[in-house]
């Protein structure tokens, strides 16, 4: 069963939320939507590496938060509610020097006031790079 608010959802619906944001600066791209998951890619390059040449942990956290926050936005009625990140954690498992990493975001909890997302980031060889959990607060939209 699909978790999304809109019955007909395309990658264009997600892409619009990334324009003129950190996601665009870091080269993030929405790549796949399933009934209960969202995938987002990001290049490992000069914009996303730390001084030792590895994927920056902050870039991984930004990828995870983008995936979960945008997923929450697509679960709720944006005419009535907004969503903001409340807490994020990230365990960095493996270093990556180049290529593309992919975040797969799935819900652990979709409540009326909070959403909790499980985000796993893998490299191109499907090796686990980072495990993250994001809690999002659902707020009534003020007129």
N, C-alpha and C. Protein backbone atom coordinates (compact mmCIF):
# COMPACT_ATOMS: atom_id res chain seq x y z
N UNK A 1 0.83 -1.18 0.00
CA UNK A 1 0.00 0.00 0.00
C UNK A 1 0.89 1.26 0.00
N UNK A 2 0.57 2.19 -0.85
CA UNK A 2 1.36 3.41 -0.98
C UNK A 2 1.14 4.35 0.21
N UNK A 3 2.21 5.01 0.62
CA UNK A 3 2.16 5.92 1.76
C UNK A 3 1.95 7.37 1.33
N UNK A 4 2.06 7.66 0.05
CA UNK A 4 2.09 9.03 -0.44
C UNK A 4 0.70 9.68 -0.44
N UNK A 5 0.65 10.99 -0.18
CA UNK A 5 -0.61 11.73 -0.13
C UNK A 5 -1.27 11.76 -1.50
N UNK A 6 -0.49 12.09 -2.54
CA UNK A 6 -1.03 12.10 -3.90
C UNK A 6 -1.03 10.68 -4.44
N UNK A 7 -2.12 10.30 -5.08
CA UNK A 7 -2.19 8.96 -5.65
C UNK A 7 -1.23 8.80 -6.83
N UNK A 8 -1.18 9.80 -7.69
CA UNK A 8 -0.28 9.78 -8.84
C UNK A 8 0.91 10.67 -8.52
N UNK A 9 2.04 10.06 -8.26
CA UNK A 9 3.23 10.79 -7.85
C UNK A 9 4.36 10.46 -8.81
N UNK A 10 5.10 11.48 -9.25
CA UNK A 10 6.23 11.25 -10.15
C UNK A 10 7.48 11.87 -9.56
N UNK A 11 8.62 11.56 -10.14
CA UNK A 11 9.88 12.14 -9.69
C UNK A 11 9.86 13.66 -9.81
N UNK A 12 9.11 14.19 -10.76
CA UNK A 12 9.00 15.65 -10.91
C UNK A 12 8.42 16.30 -9.66
N UNK A 13 7.50 15.63 -8.98
CA UNK A 13 6.93 16.17 -7.74
C UNK A 13 8.02 16.36 -6.69
N UNK A 14 8.96 15.45 -6.63
CA UNK A 14 10.05 15.52 -5.66
C UNK A 14 11.11 16.53 -6.11
N UNK A 15 11.43 16.52 -7.39
CA UNK A 15 12.48 17.37 -7.91
C UNK A 15 12.18 18.84 -7.66
N UNK A 16 10.93 19.23 -7.78
CA UNK A 16 10.56 20.63 -7.56
C UNK A 16 10.93 21.11 -6.16
N UNK A 17 10.88 20.22 -5.17
CA UNK A 17 11.22 20.59 -3.80
C UNK A 17 12.72 20.80 -3.60
N UNK A 18 13.53 20.33 -4.53
CA UNK A 18 14.98 20.45 -4.39
C UNK A 18 15.60 21.65 -5.07
N UNK A 19 14.80 22.37 -5.84
CA UNK A 19 15.35 23.51 -6.58
C UNK A 19 15.77 24.63 -5.65
N UNK A 20 16.95 25.22 -5.95
CA UNK A 20 17.49 26.36 -5.18
C UNK A 20 17.69 26.02 -3.71
N UNK A 21 18.15 24.81 -3.44
CA UNK A 21 18.39 24.35 -2.07
C UNK A 21 19.78 23.74 -1.97
N UNK A 22 20.14 23.35 -0.75
CA UNK A 22 21.40 22.64 -0.54
C UNK A 22 21.45 21.37 -1.39
N UNK A 23 20.32 20.70 -1.54
CA UNK A 23 20.26 19.48 -2.35
C UNK A 23 20.76 19.74 -3.76
N UNK A 24 20.36 20.84 -4.35
CA UNK A 24 20.80 21.18 -5.70
C UNK A 24 22.29 21.50 -5.72
N UNK A 25 22.77 22.24 -4.73
CA UNK A 25 24.19 22.60 -4.65
C UNK A 25 25.06 21.35 -4.56
N UNK A 26 24.62 20.35 -3.79
CA UNK A 26 25.40 19.13 -3.60
C UNK A 26 25.18 18.10 -4.72
N UNK A 27 24.29 18.39 -5.65
CA UNK A 27 24.07 17.50 -6.79
C UNK A 27 23.14 16.33 -6.51
N UNK A 28 22.29 16.45 -5.51
CA UNK A 28 21.35 15.37 -5.19
C UNK A 28 20.29 15.26 -6.27
N UNK A 29 19.90 14.03 -6.57
CA UNK A 29 18.87 13.75 -7.58
C UNK A 29 17.93 12.67 -7.06
N UNK A 30 16.64 12.91 -7.18
CA UNK A 30 15.66 11.88 -6.84
C UNK A 30 15.68 10.86 -7.96
N UNK A 31 15.82 9.58 -7.59
CA UNK A 31 16.04 8.56 -8.62
C UNK A 31 14.95 7.50 -8.70
N UNK A 32 14.22 7.25 -7.62
CA UNK A 32 13.22 6.18 -7.65
C UNK A 32 12.19 6.38 -6.54
N UNK A 33 10.94 6.07 -6.88
CA UNK A 33 9.85 6.11 -5.90
C UNK A 33 9.20 4.73 -5.91
N UNK A 34 8.99 4.18 -4.72
CA UNK A 34 8.23 2.95 -4.58
C UNK A 34 7.00 3.23 -3.73
N UNK A 35 6.22 2.23 -3.46
CA UNK A 35 5.00 2.46 -2.66
C UNK A 35 5.30 2.96 -1.24
N UNK A 36 6.47 2.60 -0.71
CA UNK A 36 6.81 3.02 0.65
C UNK A 36 8.28 3.40 0.79
N UNK A 37 8.90 3.82 -0.29
CA UNK A 37 10.29 4.24 -0.21
C UNK A 37 10.59 5.31 -1.26
N UNK A 38 11.69 6.02 -1.01
CA UNK A 38 12.19 7.04 -1.91
C UNK A 38 13.70 6.87 -2.00
N UNK A 39 14.26 6.98 -3.21
CA UNK A 39 15.70 6.91 -3.38
C UNK A 39 16.21 8.23 -3.94
N UNK A 40 17.37 8.62 -3.41
CA UNK A 40 17.99 9.89 -3.76
C UNK A 40 19.48 9.63 -3.92
N UNK A 41 20.08 10.15 -4.99
CA UNK A 41 21.51 9.95 -5.23
C UNK A 41 22.28 11.25 -5.02
N UNK A 42 23.58 11.10 -4.78
CA UNK A 42 24.46 12.26 -4.64
C UNK A 42 25.86 11.86 -5.10
N UNK A 43 26.53 12.72 -5.88
CA UNK A 43 27.89 12.40 -6.29
C UNK A 43 28.87 12.62 -5.14
N UNK A 44 29.92 11.82 -5.14
CA UNK A 44 31.04 12.06 -4.23
C UNK A 44 32.08 12.79 -5.07
N UNK A 45 32.23 14.09 -4.80
CA UNK A 45 33.12 14.93 -5.58
C UNK A 45 33.65 16.06 -4.70
N UNK A 46 34.24 17.07 -5.30
CA UNK A 46 34.83 18.15 -4.52
C UNK A 46 33.83 18.89 -3.65
N UNK A 47 32.56 18.88 -4.02
CA UNK A 47 31.54 19.55 -3.20
C UNK A 47 31.15 18.74 -1.97
N UNK A 48 31.36 17.42 -2.01
CA UNK A 48 30.86 16.56 -0.94
C UNK A 48 31.96 15.82 -0.17
N UNK A 49 33.22 16.06 -0.50
CA UNK A 49 34.33 15.40 0.20
C UNK A 49 34.85 16.26 1.33
N UNK A 50 35.41 15.60 2.34
CA UNK A 50 36.14 16.28 3.42
C UNK A 50 37.61 16.35 3.04
N UNK A 51 38.45 17.03 3.84
CA UNK A 51 39.86 17.25 3.46
C UNK A 51 40.68 15.98 3.20
N UNK A 52 40.27 14.83 3.76
CA UNK A 52 41.02 13.59 3.55
C UNK A 52 40.60 12.85 2.28
N UNK A 53 39.71 13.47 1.51
CA UNK A 53 39.31 12.88 0.24
C UNK A 53 38.13 11.93 0.32
N UNK A 54 37.52 11.81 1.49
CA UNK A 54 36.38 10.91 1.68
C UNK A 54 35.07 11.69 1.69
N UNK A 55 33.99 11.00 1.42
CA UNK A 55 32.66 11.60 1.54
C UNK A 55 32.51 12.21 2.92
N UNK A 56 32.15 13.47 2.99
CA UNK A 56 31.98 14.19 4.25
C UNK A 56 30.76 13.65 4.99
N UNK A 57 30.91 13.41 6.29
CA UNK A 57 29.79 12.93 7.09
C UNK A 57 28.62 13.89 7.08
N UNK A 58 28.91 15.18 7.01
CA UNK A 58 27.85 16.17 6.93
C UNK A 58 27.08 16.09 5.62
N UNK A 59 27.78 15.73 4.54
CA UNK A 59 27.10 15.55 3.25
C UNK A 59 26.18 14.33 3.31
N UNK A 60 26.65 13.26 3.97
CA UNK A 60 25.78 12.08 4.16
C UNK A 60 24.55 12.44 4.98
N UNK A 61 24.75 13.21 6.05
CA UNK A 61 23.63 13.63 6.88
C UNK A 61 22.68 14.53 6.10
N UNK A 62 23.23 15.41 5.27
CA UNK A 62 22.38 16.27 4.43
C UNK A 62 21.57 15.43 3.44
N UNK A 63 22.19 14.40 2.87
CA UNK A 63 21.48 13.51 1.95
C UNK A 63 20.35 12.79 2.69
N UNK A 64 20.65 12.27 3.87
CA UNK A 64 19.63 11.56 4.65
C UNK A 64 18.50 12.49 5.05
N UNK A 65 18.84 13.69 5.52
CA UNK A 65 17.79 14.63 5.95
C UNK A 65 16.94 15.08 4.77
N UNK A 66 17.56 15.27 3.63
CA UNK A 66 16.80 15.66 2.44
C UNK A 66 15.82 14.55 2.06
N UNK A 67 16.30 13.32 2.04
CA UNK A 67 15.43 12.20 1.68
C UNK A 67 14.23 12.11 2.62
N UNK A 68 14.49 12.13 3.93
CA UNK A 68 13.40 11.98 4.90
C UNK A 68 12.47 13.17 4.94
N UNK A 69 13.01 14.38 4.86
CA UNK A 69 12.17 15.57 4.91
C UNK A 69 11.26 15.66 3.69
N UNK A 70 11.81 15.39 2.52
CA UNK A 70 11.01 15.44 1.31
C UNK A 70 9.98 14.30 1.31
N UNK A 71 10.37 13.14 1.79
CA UNK A 71 9.41 12.04 1.88
C UNK A 71 8.25 12.43 2.80
N UNK A 72 8.55 13.05 3.94
CA UNK A 72 7.48 13.50 4.83
C UNK A 72 6.56 14.50 4.13
N UNK A 73 7.16 15.42 3.38
CA UNK A 73 6.36 16.41 2.66
C UNK A 73 5.41 15.76 1.66
N UNK A 74 5.81 14.62 1.11
CA UNK A 74 4.96 13.94 0.14
C UNK A 74 3.92 13.01 0.78
N UNK A 75 4.04 12.81 2.09
CA UNK A 75 3.07 11.97 2.82
C UNK A 75 1.91 12.81 3.34
N UNK A 76 2.17 14.09 3.61
CA UNK A 76 1.15 14.95 4.24
C UNK A 76 0.45 15.83 3.20
N UNK A 77 -0.64 16.44 3.62
CA UNK A 77 -1.36 17.43 2.82
C UNK A 77 -0.67 18.77 3.05
N UNK A 78 0.14 19.21 2.09
CA UNK A 78 0.91 20.44 2.25
C UNK A 78 0.04 21.69 2.30
N UNK A 79 -1.22 21.57 1.94
CA UNK A 79 -2.14 22.68 2.09
C UNK A 79 -2.55 22.91 3.54
N UNK A 80 -2.44 21.86 4.35
CA UNK A 80 -2.86 21.94 5.76
C UNK A 80 -1.70 21.83 6.75
N UNK A 81 -0.59 21.22 6.32
CA UNK A 81 0.51 20.94 7.23
C UNK A 81 1.85 21.31 6.60
N UNK A 82 2.83 21.49 7.44
CA UNK A 82 4.22 21.60 7.00
C UNK A 82 5.04 20.62 7.84
N UNK A 83 6.25 20.37 7.44
CA UNK A 83 7.08 19.43 8.19
C UNK A 83 8.49 19.98 8.32
N UNK A 84 9.08 19.74 9.47
CA UNK A 84 10.45 20.21 9.75
C UNK A 84 11.20 19.10 10.48
N UNK A 85 12.50 19.03 10.21
CA UNK A 85 13.34 18.06 10.90
C UNK A 85 13.42 18.37 12.38
N UNK A 86 13.32 17.32 13.18
CA UNK A 86 13.37 17.46 14.64
C UNK A 86 14.67 16.89 15.20
N UNK A 87 15.10 15.75 14.65
CA UNK A 87 16.33 15.09 15.12
C UNK A 87 16.85 14.19 14.02
N UNK A 88 18.18 14.17 13.88
CA UNK A 88 18.80 13.25 12.93
C UNK A 88 20.03 12.64 13.59
N UNK A 89 20.27 11.38 13.30
CA UNK A 89 21.54 10.77 13.70
C UNK A 89 22.08 10.02 12.50
N UNK A 90 23.36 9.82 12.49
CA UNK A 90 24.00 9.14 11.37
C UNK A 90 25.19 8.34 11.89
N UNK A 91 25.24 7.09 11.52
CA UNK A 91 26.38 6.24 11.80
C UNK A 91 27.11 6.03 10.48
N UNK A 92 28.35 6.50 10.41
CA UNK A 92 29.15 6.40 9.19
C UNK A 92 29.92 5.07 9.23
N UNK A 93 29.61 4.20 8.31
CA UNK A 93 30.09 2.82 8.31
C UNK A 93 31.33 2.64 7.43
N UNK A 94 31.33 3.26 6.27
CA UNK A 94 32.38 3.03 5.27
C UNK A 94 32.70 4.33 4.56
N UNK A 95 33.97 4.57 4.29
CA UNK A 95 34.37 5.74 3.53
C UNK A 95 34.18 5.52 2.03
N UNK A 96 33.91 6.62 1.33
CA UNK A 96 33.77 6.58 -0.13
C UNK A 96 34.59 7.73 -0.70
N UNK A 97 35.39 7.45 -1.73
CA UNK A 97 36.25 8.49 -2.32
C UNK A 97 35.66 9.11 -3.58
N UNK A 98 34.88 8.35 -4.33
CA UNK A 98 34.29 8.89 -5.55
C UNK A 98 33.09 8.05 -5.96
N UNK A 99 32.44 8.47 -7.02
CA UNK A 99 31.26 7.76 -7.51
C UNK A 99 29.97 8.42 -7.05
N UNK A 100 28.96 7.59 -6.94
CA UNK A 100 27.62 8.03 -6.56
C UNK A 100 27.18 7.22 -5.34
N UNK A 101 26.59 7.90 -4.38
CA UNK A 101 25.96 7.20 -3.26
C UNK A 101 24.45 7.35 -3.39
N UNK A 102 23.74 6.35 -2.90
CA UNK A 102 22.28 6.32 -2.99
C UNK A 102 21.68 6.14 -1.61
N UNK A 103 20.78 7.05 -1.26
CA UNK A 103 20.04 6.95 0.00
C UNK A 103 18.68 6.33 -0.29
N UNK A 104 18.32 5.33 0.51
CA UNK A 104 17.00 4.72 0.43
C UNK A 104 16.28 5.03 1.73
N UNK A 105 15.15 5.69 1.62
CA UNK A 105 14.41 6.20 2.76
C UNK A 105 13.09 5.43 2.89
N UNK A 106 12.84 4.87 4.07
CA UNK A 106 11.59 4.17 4.34
C UNK A 106 11.06 4.58 5.71
N UNK A 107 9.74 4.61 5.87
CA UNK A 107 9.19 5.03 7.16
C UNK A 107 9.29 3.95 8.22
N UNK A 108 9.59 4.38 9.43
CA UNK A 108 9.49 3.52 10.60
C UNK A 108 8.21 3.83 11.36
N UNK A 109 7.77 5.10 11.24
CA UNK A 109 6.55 5.57 11.93
C UNK A 109 5.98 6.75 11.17
N UNK A 110 4.70 6.71 10.85
CA UNK A 110 4.02 7.82 10.20
C UNK A 110 2.82 8.20 11.06
N UNK A 111 3.06 9.06 12.04
CA UNK A 111 2.00 9.49 12.94
C UNK A 111 1.43 10.84 12.54
N UNK A 112 0.47 11.32 13.32
CA UNK A 112 -0.15 12.61 13.04
C UNK A 112 0.78 13.78 13.34
N UNK A 113 1.66 13.61 14.34
CA UNK A 113 2.53 14.71 14.75
C UNK A 113 4.01 14.48 14.44
N UNK A 114 4.40 13.24 14.23
CA UNK A 114 5.80 12.94 13.90
C UNK A 114 5.88 11.82 12.87
N UNK A 115 6.94 11.89 12.10
CA UNK A 115 7.34 10.80 11.20
C UNK A 115 8.76 10.41 11.60
N UNK A 116 9.06 9.13 11.55
CA UNK A 116 10.42 8.65 11.79
C UNK A 116 10.83 7.84 10.56
N UNK A 117 11.97 8.21 9.98
CA UNK A 117 12.45 7.61 8.74
C UNK A 117 13.77 6.86 8.97
N UNK A 118 13.89 5.72 8.33
CA UNK A 118 15.12 4.95 8.28
C UNK A 118 15.76 5.23 6.93
N UNK A 119 16.99 5.72 6.93
CA UNK A 119 17.67 6.03 5.69
C UNK A 119 18.99 5.27 5.67
N UNK A 120 19.17 4.47 4.63
CA UNK A 120 20.43 3.74 4.44
C UNK A 120 21.09 4.27 3.17
N UNK A 121 22.38 4.58 3.28
CA UNK A 121 23.14 5.08 2.14
C UNK A 121 24.13 3.99 1.71
N UNK A 122 24.11 3.68 0.41
CA UNK A 122 24.99 2.66 -0.16
C UNK A 122 25.85 3.27 -1.27
N UNK A 123 27.02 2.66 -1.49
CA UNK A 123 27.85 3.07 -2.62
C UNK A 123 27.42 2.31 -3.86
N UNK A 124 28.14 2.50 -4.96
CA UNK A 124 27.76 1.88 -6.22
C UNK A 124 27.91 0.36 -6.22
N UNK A 125 28.68 -0.17 -5.27
CA UNK A 125 28.82 -1.63 -5.14
C UNK A 125 27.82 -2.19 -4.13
N UNK A 126 26.84 -1.38 -3.74
CA UNK A 126 25.80 -1.76 -2.78
C UNK A 126 26.33 -2.02 -1.37
N UNK A 127 27.51 -1.45 -1.06
CA UNK A 127 28.06 -1.56 0.29
C UNK A 127 27.48 -0.45 1.15
N UNK A 128 27.15 -0.80 2.38
CA UNK A 128 26.55 0.16 3.30
C UNK A 128 27.58 1.23 3.68
N UNK A 129 27.22 2.49 3.51
CA UNK A 129 28.08 3.63 3.80
C UNK A 129 27.64 4.32 5.09
N UNK A 130 26.33 4.48 5.28
CA UNK A 130 25.81 5.24 6.41
C UNK A 130 24.40 4.76 6.73
N UNK A 131 24.10 4.71 8.02
CA UNK A 131 22.75 4.42 8.50
C UNK A 131 22.29 5.66 9.26
N UNK A 132 21.11 6.15 8.91
CA UNK A 132 20.61 7.36 9.56
C UNK A 132 19.16 7.17 9.95
N UNK A 133 18.76 7.90 10.99
CA UNK A 133 17.36 7.95 11.39
C UNK A 133 16.99 9.42 11.53
N UNK A 134 15.88 9.79 10.93
CA UNK A 134 15.40 11.17 10.96
C UNK A 134 14.01 11.21 11.57
N UNK A 135 13.81 12.10 12.54
CA UNK A 135 12.48 12.36 13.08
C UNK A 135 12.03 13.72 12.57
N UNK A 136 10.82 13.75 12.02
CA UNK A 136 10.25 14.95 11.43
C UNK A 136 9.00 15.33 12.21
N UNK A 137 8.87 16.61 12.51
CA UNK A 137 7.69 17.13 13.20
C UNK A 137 6.68 17.61 12.16
N UNK A 138 5.42 17.22 12.34
CA UNK A 138 4.33 17.64 11.45
C UNK A 138 3.57 18.76 12.14
N UNK A 139 3.53 19.91 11.51
CA UNK A 139 2.94 21.10 12.13
C UNK A 139 1.75 21.60 11.31
N UNK A 140 0.71 22.09 12.01
CA UNK A 140 -0.39 22.71 11.25
C UNK A 140 0.10 23.96 10.54
N UNK A 141 -0.31 24.13 9.32
CA UNK A 141 0.09 25.32 8.56
C UNK A 141 -0.72 26.50 9.05
N UNK A 142 -0.03 27.56 9.35
CA UNK A 142 -0.71 28.79 9.77
C UNK A 142 -1.21 29.52 8.54
N UNK A 143 -2.39 30.10 8.62
CA UNK A 143 -2.98 30.79 7.46
C UNK A 143 -2.06 31.84 6.99
